[in-house]
Amino acid sequence: MEIQEKDTLFFMTLAAFGAVLASALASFLQWIVVLPLTIGVFLLMILTYFLNQKGTIHLSENAEKWAMILTLVAFIAAFIYLYRPV
């Protein structure tokens, strides 16, 4: 594995750990909403850390692409719903 891919894997794991920590802190106040997010990000952190193979980077890049597409669709739907004519 190239050094750049190892760096990317390390930073992705670090970002996932930060998301786990932030969502765990938020789950004390809003545990019904935040708990599934915490579990999902924790599983993503484990997947990213332990699957230190060539396919992991490709898998995470595909997941990132689909997450960006879903986020864009959610923003579009939210703005349509928010600014629809009455």
C-alpha atoms as a PDB file:
ATOM      1  CA  MET A   1       0.000   0.000   0.000  1.00  0.00           C
ATOM      2  CA  GLU A   2       1.320   3.401  -0.888  1.00  0.00           C
ATOM      3  CA  ILE A   3       2.164   5.945   1.769  1.00  0.00           C
ATOM      4  CA  GLN A   4      -0.509   8.334   0.509  1.00  0.00           C
ATOM      5  CA  GLU A   5      -3.202   5.666   0.864  1.00  0.00           C
ATOM      6  CA  LYS A   6      -2.051   4.916   4.413  1.00  0.00           C
ATOM      7  CA  ASP A   7      -2.266   8.628   5.231  1.00  0.00           C
ATOM      8  CA  THR A   8      -5.760   8.804   3.761  1.00  0.00           C
ATOM      9  CA  LEU A   9      -6.809   5.757   5.758  1.00  0.00           C
ATOM     10  CA  PHE A  10      -5.384   7.247   8.957  1.00  0.00           C
ATOM     11  CA  PHE A  11      -7.173  10.575   8.479  1.00  0.00           C
ATOM     12  CA  MET A  12     -10.442   8.838   7.615  1.00  0.00           C
ATOM     13  CA  THR A  13     -10.160   6.782  10.812  1.00  0.00           C
ATOM     14  CA  LEU A  14      -9.360   9.922  12.791  1.00  0.00           C
ATOM     15  CA  ALA A  15     -12.390  11.727  11.331  1.00  0.00           C
ATOM     16  CA  ALA A  16     -14.608   8.748  12.097  1.00  0.00           C
ATOM     17  CA  PHE A  17     -13.307   8.707  15.691  1.00  0.00           C
ATOM     18  CA  GLY A  18     -14.147  12.404  16.027  1.00  0.00           C
ATOM     19  CA  ALA A  19     -17.645  11.754  14.715  1.00  0.00           C
ATOM     20  CA  VAL A  20     -18.090   8.925  17.224  1.00  0.00           C
ATOM     21  CA  LEU A  21     -16.950  11.169  20.058  1.00  0.00           C
ATOM     22  CA  ALA A  22     -19.139  14.112  19.015  1.00  0.00           C
ATOM     23  CA  SER A  23     -22.218  11.990  18.476  1.00  0.00           C
ATOM     24  CA  ALA A  24     -21.649  10.145  21.747  1.00  0.00           C
ATOM     25  CA  LEU A  25     -21.587  13.471  23.592  1.00  0.00           C
ATOM     26  CA  ALA A  26     -24.733  14.606  21.809  1.00  0.00           C
ATOM     27  CA  SER A  27     -26.502  11.337  22.526  1.00  0.00           C
ATOM     28  CA  PHE A  28     -26.776  12.219  26.203  1.00  0.00           C
ATOM     29  CA  LEU A  29     -29.313  14.920  25.291  1.00  0.00           C
ATOM     30  CA  GLN A  30     -30.956  13.486  22.177  1.00  0.00           C
ATOM     31  CA  TRP A  31     -30.313   9.762  22.399  1.00  0.00           C
ATOM     32  CA  ILE A  32     -33.282   8.654  20.240  1.00  0.00           C
ATOM     33  CA  VAL A  33     -32.061  10.607  17.220  1.00  0.00           C
ATOM     34  CA  VAL A  34     -28.306  10.395  17.678  1.00  0.00           C
ATOM     35  CA  LEU A  35     -27.817   6.804  18.851  1.00  0.00           C
ATOM     36  CA  PRO A  36     -28.261   5.189  15.397  1.00  0.00           C
ATOM     37  CA  LEU A  37     -25.798   7.720  13.969  1.00  0.00           C
ATOM     38  CA  THR A  38     -23.287   6.886  16.679  1.00  0.00           C
ATOM     39  CA  ILE A  39     -23.573   3.164  16.008  1.00  0.00           C
ATOM     40  CA  GLY A  40     -23.279   3.635  12.254  1.00  0.00           C
ATOM     41  CA  VAL A  41     -20.204   5.856  12.476  1.00  0.00           C
ATOM     42  CA  PHE A  42     -18.618   3.473  14.983  1.00  0.00           C
ATOM     43  CA  LEU A  43     -19.085   0.596  12.554  1.00  0.00           C
ATOM     44  CA  LEU A  44     -17.636   2.749   9.775  1.00  0.00           C
ATOM     45  CA  MET A  45     -14.620   3.506  11.953  1.00  0.00           C
ATOM     46  CA  ILE A  46     -14.044  -0.201  12.582  1.00  0.00           C
ATOM     47  CA  LEU A  47     -14.441  -0.996   8.893  1.00  0.00           C
ATOM     48  CA  THR A  48     -12.014   1.745   7.899  1.00  0.00           C
ATOM     49  CA  TYR A  49      -9.417   0.823  10.501  1.00  0.00           C
ATOM     50  CA  PHE A  50      -9.348  -2.953  10.259  1.00  0.00           C
ATOM     51  CA  LEU A  51      -9.803  -3.430   6.521  1.00  0.00           C
ATOM     52  CA  ASN A  52      -6.379  -2.107   5.702  1.00  0.00           C
ATOM     53  CA  GLN A  53      -6.426  -3.532   2.192  1.00  0.00           C
ATOM     54  CA  LYS A  54      -6.493  -2.091  -1.321  1.00  0.00           C
ATOM     55  CA  GLY A  55     -10.278  -2.353  -1.563  1.00  0.00           C
ATOM     56  CA  THR A  56     -10.886  -0.201   1.504  1.00  0.00           C
ATOM     57  CA  ILE A  57      -9.892   3.057  -0.164  1.00  0.00           C
ATOM     58  CA  HIS A  58     -12.019   2.237  -3.199  1.00  0.00           C
ATOM     59  CA  LEU A  59     -14.969   1.314  -0.967  1.00  0.00           C
ATOM     60  CA  SER A  60     -14.681   4.507   1.065  1.00  0.00           C
ATOM     61  CA  GLU A  61     -14.424   6.658  -2.061  1.00  0.00           C
ATOM     62  CA  ASN A  62     -17.617   5.078  -3.422  1.00  0.00           C
ATOM     63  CA  ALA A  63     -19.352   5.575  -0.071  1.00  0.00           C
ATOM     64  CA  GLU A  64     -18.247   9.212  -0.015  1.00  0.00           C
ATOM     65  CA  LYS A  65     -19.570   9.762  -3.537  1.00  0.00           C
ATOM     66  CA  TRP A  66     -22.983   8.271  -2.687  1.00  0.00           C
ATOM     67  CA  ALA A  67     -23.154  10.209   0.589  1.00  0.00           C
ATOM     68  CA  MET A  68     -22.529  13.465  -1.281  1.00  0.00           C
ATOM     69  CA  ILE A  69     -25.229  12.604  -3.824  1.00  0.00           C
ATOM     70  CA  LEU A  70     -27.731  11.764  -1.062  1.00  0.00           C
ATOM     71  CA  THR A  71     -26.841  14.975   0.793  1.00  0.00           C
ATOM     72  CA  LEU A  72     -27.378  17.027  -2.354  1.00  0.00           C
ATOM     73  CA  VAL A  73     -30.769  15.372  -2.937  1.00  0.00           C
ATOM     74  CA  ALA A  74     -31.722  16.020   0.696  1.00  0.00           C
ATOM     75  CA  PHE A  75     -30.768  19.717   0.400  1.00  0.00           C
ATOM     76  CA  ILE A  76     -32.751  20.074  -2.818  1.00  0.00           C
ATOM     77  CA  ALA A  77     -35.786  18.399  -1.266  1.00  0.00           C
ATOM     78  CA  ALA A  78     -35.491  20.573   1.857  1.00  0.00           C
ATOM     79  CA  PHE A  79     -35.354  23.795  -0.157  1.00  0.00           C
ATOM     80  CA  ILE A  80     -38.266  22.724  -2.328  1.00  0.00           C
ATOM     81  CA  TYR A  81     -40.283  21.901   0.767  1.00  0.00           C
ATOM     82  CA  LEU A  82     -39.240  25.102   2.542  1.00  0.00           C
ATOM     83  CA  TYR A  83     -39.862  27.525  -0.334  1.00  0.00           C
ATOM     84  CA  ARG A  84     -42.843  25.901  -2.028  1.00  0.00           C
ATOM     85  CA  PRO A  85     -45.680  28.267  -2.923  1.00  0.00           C
ATOM     86  CA  VAL A  86     -48.572  28.247  -0.502  1.00  0.00           C
END
